[in-house]
Amino acid sequence: MNSLILEAAAKVLEYPGRPLERRHGPRGYADPRLYKPWPRDDFSFRCVYCLCRERWEPNGQDVFSVEHLHSRSTHPERVNDYAYLLYACSICNACRREAPWPFDPRVEAMAMHLRSLPDGTVEALTRQGAELSDLCHLNRPLLVQFRQSLLEWIAWLVKRDGHEEERALRRILGFPTTCRTCDPGGLPVGTTRRASRRVSLNNASERSCRKCIRILPLPVAG
């Protein structure tokens, strides 16, 4: 089995080891919801809190939305500032509501505060991590059960080490087939156009475009 797939499988639920780095910088929208295509890509199509991915949801991106780092009620001037927008699943978003983040993910890596365990739970490594875990209910029973089942399923596929198993892993670990990076038409002011092929596997801080996705659709993170 491809070594890159094996590495991605081993790190599927790892929190990013570096502070958030944005690849895009759109601006000019009056409604923060219209920014959604860009945080999708910047957050590797997964929830910033629980790490669940669009590919794992039957309704895909419909159950994900733009999230604000700072509460709209306390920081109205940042409502439409892309630098303060995140990407989250609807459940984590609803759990957090407008509570303040206990740390700034643009400055401190998530992995400094949270760690996923083989039993499907999330361990808090710091007081701030514990606060964020409690805010978003990251150890809610159904989510823990899902993560545990996912890890067991991935481990079984890796152990089988066959062609069909590799195809299944590509589907589990892959990106959606389209994104703003793949189809940069109509990008607003401030959005980058990336022509280079970049693949990284630290759940990775860089990701490839459509040409690479067809070859190896691996997951990455900010």
Protein backbone atom coordinates (compact mmCIF):
# COMPACT_ATOMS: atom_id res chain seq x y z
CA MET A 1 0.00 0.00 0.00
CA ASN A 2 1.17 3.53 -0.78
CA SER A 3 3.32 4.87 2.06
CA LEU A 4 1.69 8.30 1.88
CA ILE A 5 -1.73 6.77 2.42
CA LEU A 6 -0.40 4.80 5.38
CA GLU A 7 1.02 7.94 6.94
CA ALA A 8 -2.19 9.86 6.37
CA ALA A 9 -4.19 7.01 7.88
CA ALA A 10 -2.01 7.02 10.99
CA LYS A 11 -2.58 10.77 11.45
CA VAL A 12 -6.22 10.98 10.47
CA LEU A 13 -7.37 12.49 13.78
CA GLU A 14 -4.27 14.46 14.73
CA TYR A 15 -4.77 18.10 15.59
CA PRO A 16 -2.60 20.52 13.57
CA GLY A 17 0.89 20.87 14.97
CA ARG A 18 1.28 24.44 13.75
CA PRO A 19 -0.76 27.61 14.23
CA LEU A 20 -3.36 28.32 11.60
CA GLU A 21 -1.90 29.47 8.30
CA ARG A 22 -4.28 30.83 5.68
CA ARG A 23 -3.74 30.27 2.00
CA HIS A 24 -6.51 32.66 0.97
CA GLY A 25 -7.40 36.23 1.82
CA PRO A 26 -10.74 37.16 0.23
CA ARG A 27 -12.48 40.32 1.26
CA GLY A 28 -15.38 42.50 0.26
CA TYR A 29 -18.39 40.37 1.18
CA ALA A 30 -21.14 41.89 3.30
CA ASP A 31 -22.34 38.48 4.48
CA PRO A 32 -19.73 36.20 6.17
CA ARG A 33 -21.55 33.12 4.87
CA LEU A 34 -20.44 34.02 1.36
CA TYR A 35 -16.82 33.38 2.37
CA LYS A 36 -17.53 29.68 2.91
CA PRO A 37 -15.64 28.25 -0.12
CA TRP A 38 -12.37 29.69 1.16
CA PRO A 39 -12.36 28.50 4.78
CA ARG A 40 -13.43 25.09 3.43
CA ASP A 41 -10.07 24.90 1.72
CA ASP A 42 -8.08 26.64 4.46
CA PHE A 43 -9.43 24.19 7.05
CA SER A 44 -9.01 21.16 4.78
CA PHE A 45 -12.74 20.50 4.57
CA ARG A 46 -13.06 19.56 8.23
CA CYS A 47 -14.32 21.00 11.50
CA VAL A 48 -11.72 23.03 13.37
CA TYR A 49 -13.01 21.59 16.67
CA CYS A 50 -13.83 17.88 16.30
CA LEU A 51 -11.86 17.23 13.06
CA CYS A 52 -14.82 15.55 11.36
CA ARG A 53 -14.62 15.91 7.59
CA GLU A 54 -17.15 16.74 4.93
CA ARG A 55 -16.45 13.38 3.29
CA TRP A 56 -17.68 11.59 6.43
CA GLU A 57 -21.03 13.37 6.47
CA PRO A 58 -23.94 12.14 4.29
CA ASN A 59 -24.86 15.76 3.53
CA GLY A 60 -21.28 16.91 3.05
CA GLN A 61 -20.64 20.63 3.32
CA ASP A 62 -24.30 21.35 4.07
CA VAL A 63 -23.68 20.51 7.74
CA PHE A 64 -20.64 22.83 7.93
CA SER A 65 -20.60 26.60 8.18
CA VAL A 66 -18.45 29.66 8.65
CA GLU A 67 -17.58 30.18 12.31
CA HIS A 68 -16.29 33.31 14.04
CA LEU A 69 -13.19 33.25 16.18
CA HIS A 70 -14.57 36.15 18.18
CA SER A 71 -18.19 36.64 19.11
CA ARG A 72 -20.15 38.84 16.73
CA SER A 73 -21.76 40.58 19.69
CA THR A 74 -18.45 41.57 21.29
CA HIS A 75 -16.46 42.17 18.09
CA PRO A 76 -18.92 43.38 15.42
CA GLU A 77 -16.07 45.00 13.50
CA ARG A 78 -14.65 41.53 12.74
CA VAL A 79 -17.82 39.86 11.48
CA ASN A 80 -16.70 40.04 7.85
CA ASP A 81 -12.94 39.95 8.41
CA TYR A 82 -11.64 36.75 6.82
CA ALA A 83 -8.68 36.61 9.21
CA TYR A 84 -11.13 35.85 12.04
CA LEU A 85 -13.31 33.28 10.26
CA LEU A 86 -13.11 29.54 10.95
CA TYR A 87 -14.83 26.42 9.59
CA ALA A 88 -16.92 24.17 11.83
CA CYS A 89 -19.57 21.48 11.77
CA SER A 90 -23.05 22.53 12.81
CA ILE A 91 -22.98 20.62 16.10
CA CYS A 92 -19.71 22.07 17.38
CA ASN A 93 -20.79 25.50 16.19
CA ALA A 94 -24.07 25.20 18.10
CA CYS A 95 -22.31 23.91 21.22
CA ARG A 96 -19.82 26.75 21.36
CA ARG A 97 -22.38 29.44 20.51
CA GLU A 98 -20.69 32.78 21.25
CA ALA A 99 -18.37 31.69 24.04
CA PRO A 100 -14.85 33.12 23.67
CA TRP A 101 -12.03 30.87 22.50
CA PRO A 102 -9.68 30.04 25.40
CA PHE A 103 -6.69 30.50 23.07
CA ASP A 104 -5.95 31.89 19.62
CA PRO A 105 -5.41 29.10 17.03
CA ARG A 106 -3.67 31.62 14.78
CA VAL A 107 -0.92 31.89 17.39
CA GLU A 108 -0.95 28.55 19.22
CA ALA A 109 -1.22 25.16 17.51
CA MET A 110 -4.27 23.09 18.38
CA ALA A 111 -1.96 20.15 19.14
CA MET A 112 -0.53 22.10 22.06
CA HIS A 113 -3.90 21.87 23.77
CA LEU A 114 -5.73 18.79 22.44
CA ARG A 115 -4.84 15.23 21.50
CA SER A 116 -6.99 12.47 19.99
CA LEU A 117 -6.63 9.06 21.61
CA PRO A 118 -7.04 5.57 20.10
CA ASP A 119 -10.24 4.98 22.08
CA GLY A 120 -11.96 7.85 20.23
CA THR A 121 -11.75 10.37 23.03
CA VAL A 122 -10.04 13.76 22.98
CA GLU A 123 -7.56 14.45 25.75
CA ALA A 124 -7.03 17.99 26.97
CA LEU A 125 -3.34 18.77 27.42
CA THR A 126 -3.83 22.19 28.97
CA ARG A 127 -6.43 24.16 30.88
CA GLN A 128 -7.31 25.98 27.68
CA GLY A 129 -7.71 22.70 25.85
CA ALA A 130 -10.04 21.41 28.56
CA GLU A 131 -12.11 24.56 28.31
CA LEU A 132 -12.46 24.25 24.52
CA SER A 133 -13.28 20.53 24.80
CA ASP A 134 -16.01 21.30 27.33
CA LEU A 135 -17.39 24.17 25.24
CA CYS A 136 -17.78 22.01 22.13
CA HIS A 137 -18.54 18.74 23.93
CA LEU A 138 -15.72 17.03 22.06
CA ASN A 139 -16.23 13.84 24.04
CA ARG A 140 -19.96 13.57 23.46
CA PRO A 141 -20.78 9.83 23.38
CA LEU A 142 -21.88 9.50 19.76
CA LEU A 143 -18.83 11.40 18.53
CA VAL A 144 -16.48 9.23 20.59
CA GLN A 145 -18.18 6.12 19.24
CA PHE A 146 -17.84 7.39 15.67
CA ARG A 147 -14.15 8.21 16.03
CA GLN A 148 -13.42 4.84 17.62
CA SER A 149 -15.27 3.00 14.84
CA LEU A 150 -13.50 5.08 12.20
CA LEU A 151 -10.07 4.26 13.64
CA GLU A 152 -10.93 0.57 13.84
CA TRP A 153 -12.19 0.58 10.24
CA ILE A 154 -9.06 2.33 8.98
CA ALA A 155 -6.83 -0.09 10.92
CA TRP A 156 -8.67 -3.04 9.37
CA LEU A 157 -8.24 -1.64 5.87
CA VAL A 158 -4.54 -1.02 6.45
CA LYS A 159 -4.05 -4.55 7.76
CA ARG A 160 -5.82 -6.08 4.74
CA ASP A 161 -3.44 -4.19 2.44
CA GLY A 162 -5.23 -4.87 -0.84
CA HIS A 163 -6.20 -2.86 -3.91
CA GLU A 164 -9.84 -2.46 -2.87
CA GLU A 165 -8.78 -1.54 0.66
CA GLU A 166 -6.50 1.17 -0.71
CA ARG A 167 -9.37 2.55 -2.78
CA ALA A 168 -11.55 2.64 0.33
CA LEU A 169 -8.84 4.50 2.25
CA ARG A 170 -8.57 7.04 -0.54
CA ARG A 171 -12.29 7.72 -0.22
CA ILE A 172 -12.10 8.05 3.57
CA LEU A 173 -9.00 10.24 3.57
CA GLY A 174 -9.68 12.23 0.42
CA PHE A 175 -10.92 15.71 -0.36
CA PRO A 176 -14.17 16.65 -2.07
CA THR A 177 -13.71 16.63 -5.83
CA THR A 178 -14.05 20.41 -6.18
CA CYS A 179 -12.91 23.41 -4.18
CA ARG A 180 -11.91 27.04 -4.71
CA THR A 181 -8.28 26.04 -5.13
CA CYS A 182 -9.19 23.63 -7.91
CA ASP A 183 -11.58 26.05 -9.60
CA PRO A 184 -10.29 29.57 -8.95
CA GLY A 185 -12.70 31.30 -11.30
CA GLY A 186 -14.36 34.37 -9.87
CA LEU A 187 -12.12 34.75 -6.85
CA PRO A 188 -12.68 38.01 -4.98
CA VAL A 189 -9.98 40.55 -4.24
CA GLY A 190 -7.20 39.22 -2.03
CA THR A 191 -7.58 35.53 -2.88
CA THR A 192 -4.47 33.70 -3.97
CA ARG A 193 -4.14 31.54 -7.06
CA ARG A 194 -1.83 28.64 -6.38
CA ALA A 195 -0.38 27.01 -9.45
CA SER A 196 2.17 24.77 -7.79
CA ARG A 197 1.55 21.17 -6.78
CA ARG A 198 2.08 20.77 -3.05
CA VAL A 199 1.43 17.71 -0.98
CA SER A 200 2.13 17.39 2.72
CA LEU A 201 1.03 14.80 5.23
CA ASN A 202 1.21 16.45 8.62
CA ASN A 203 -2.54 16.18 8.26
CA ALA A 204 -0.89 18.61 6.38
CA SER A 205 -0.33 22.29 6.26
CA GLU A 206 -0.35 22.30 2.49
CA ARG A 207 -2.62 20.60 0.01
CA SER A 208 -2.69 19.73 -3.66
CA CYS A 209 -5.07 20.90 -6.34
CA ARG A 210 -7.32 18.82 -8.58
CA LYS A 211 -4.51 17.41 -10.68
CA CYS A 212 -2.92 15.94 -7.55
CA ILE A 213 -6.23 14.90 -6.02
CA ARG A 214 -6.85 12.52 -8.89
CA ILE A 215 -3.49 10.94 -8.17
CA LEU A 216 -3.53 10.91 -4.39
CA PRO A 217 -6.47 12.52 -2.53
CA LEU A 218 -4.88 12.89 0.88
CA PRO A 219 -6.19 14.93 3.82
CA VAL A 220 -4.41 17.95 5.17
CA ALA A 221 -4.90 20.56 7.85
CA GLY A 222 -4.02 24.14 8.55
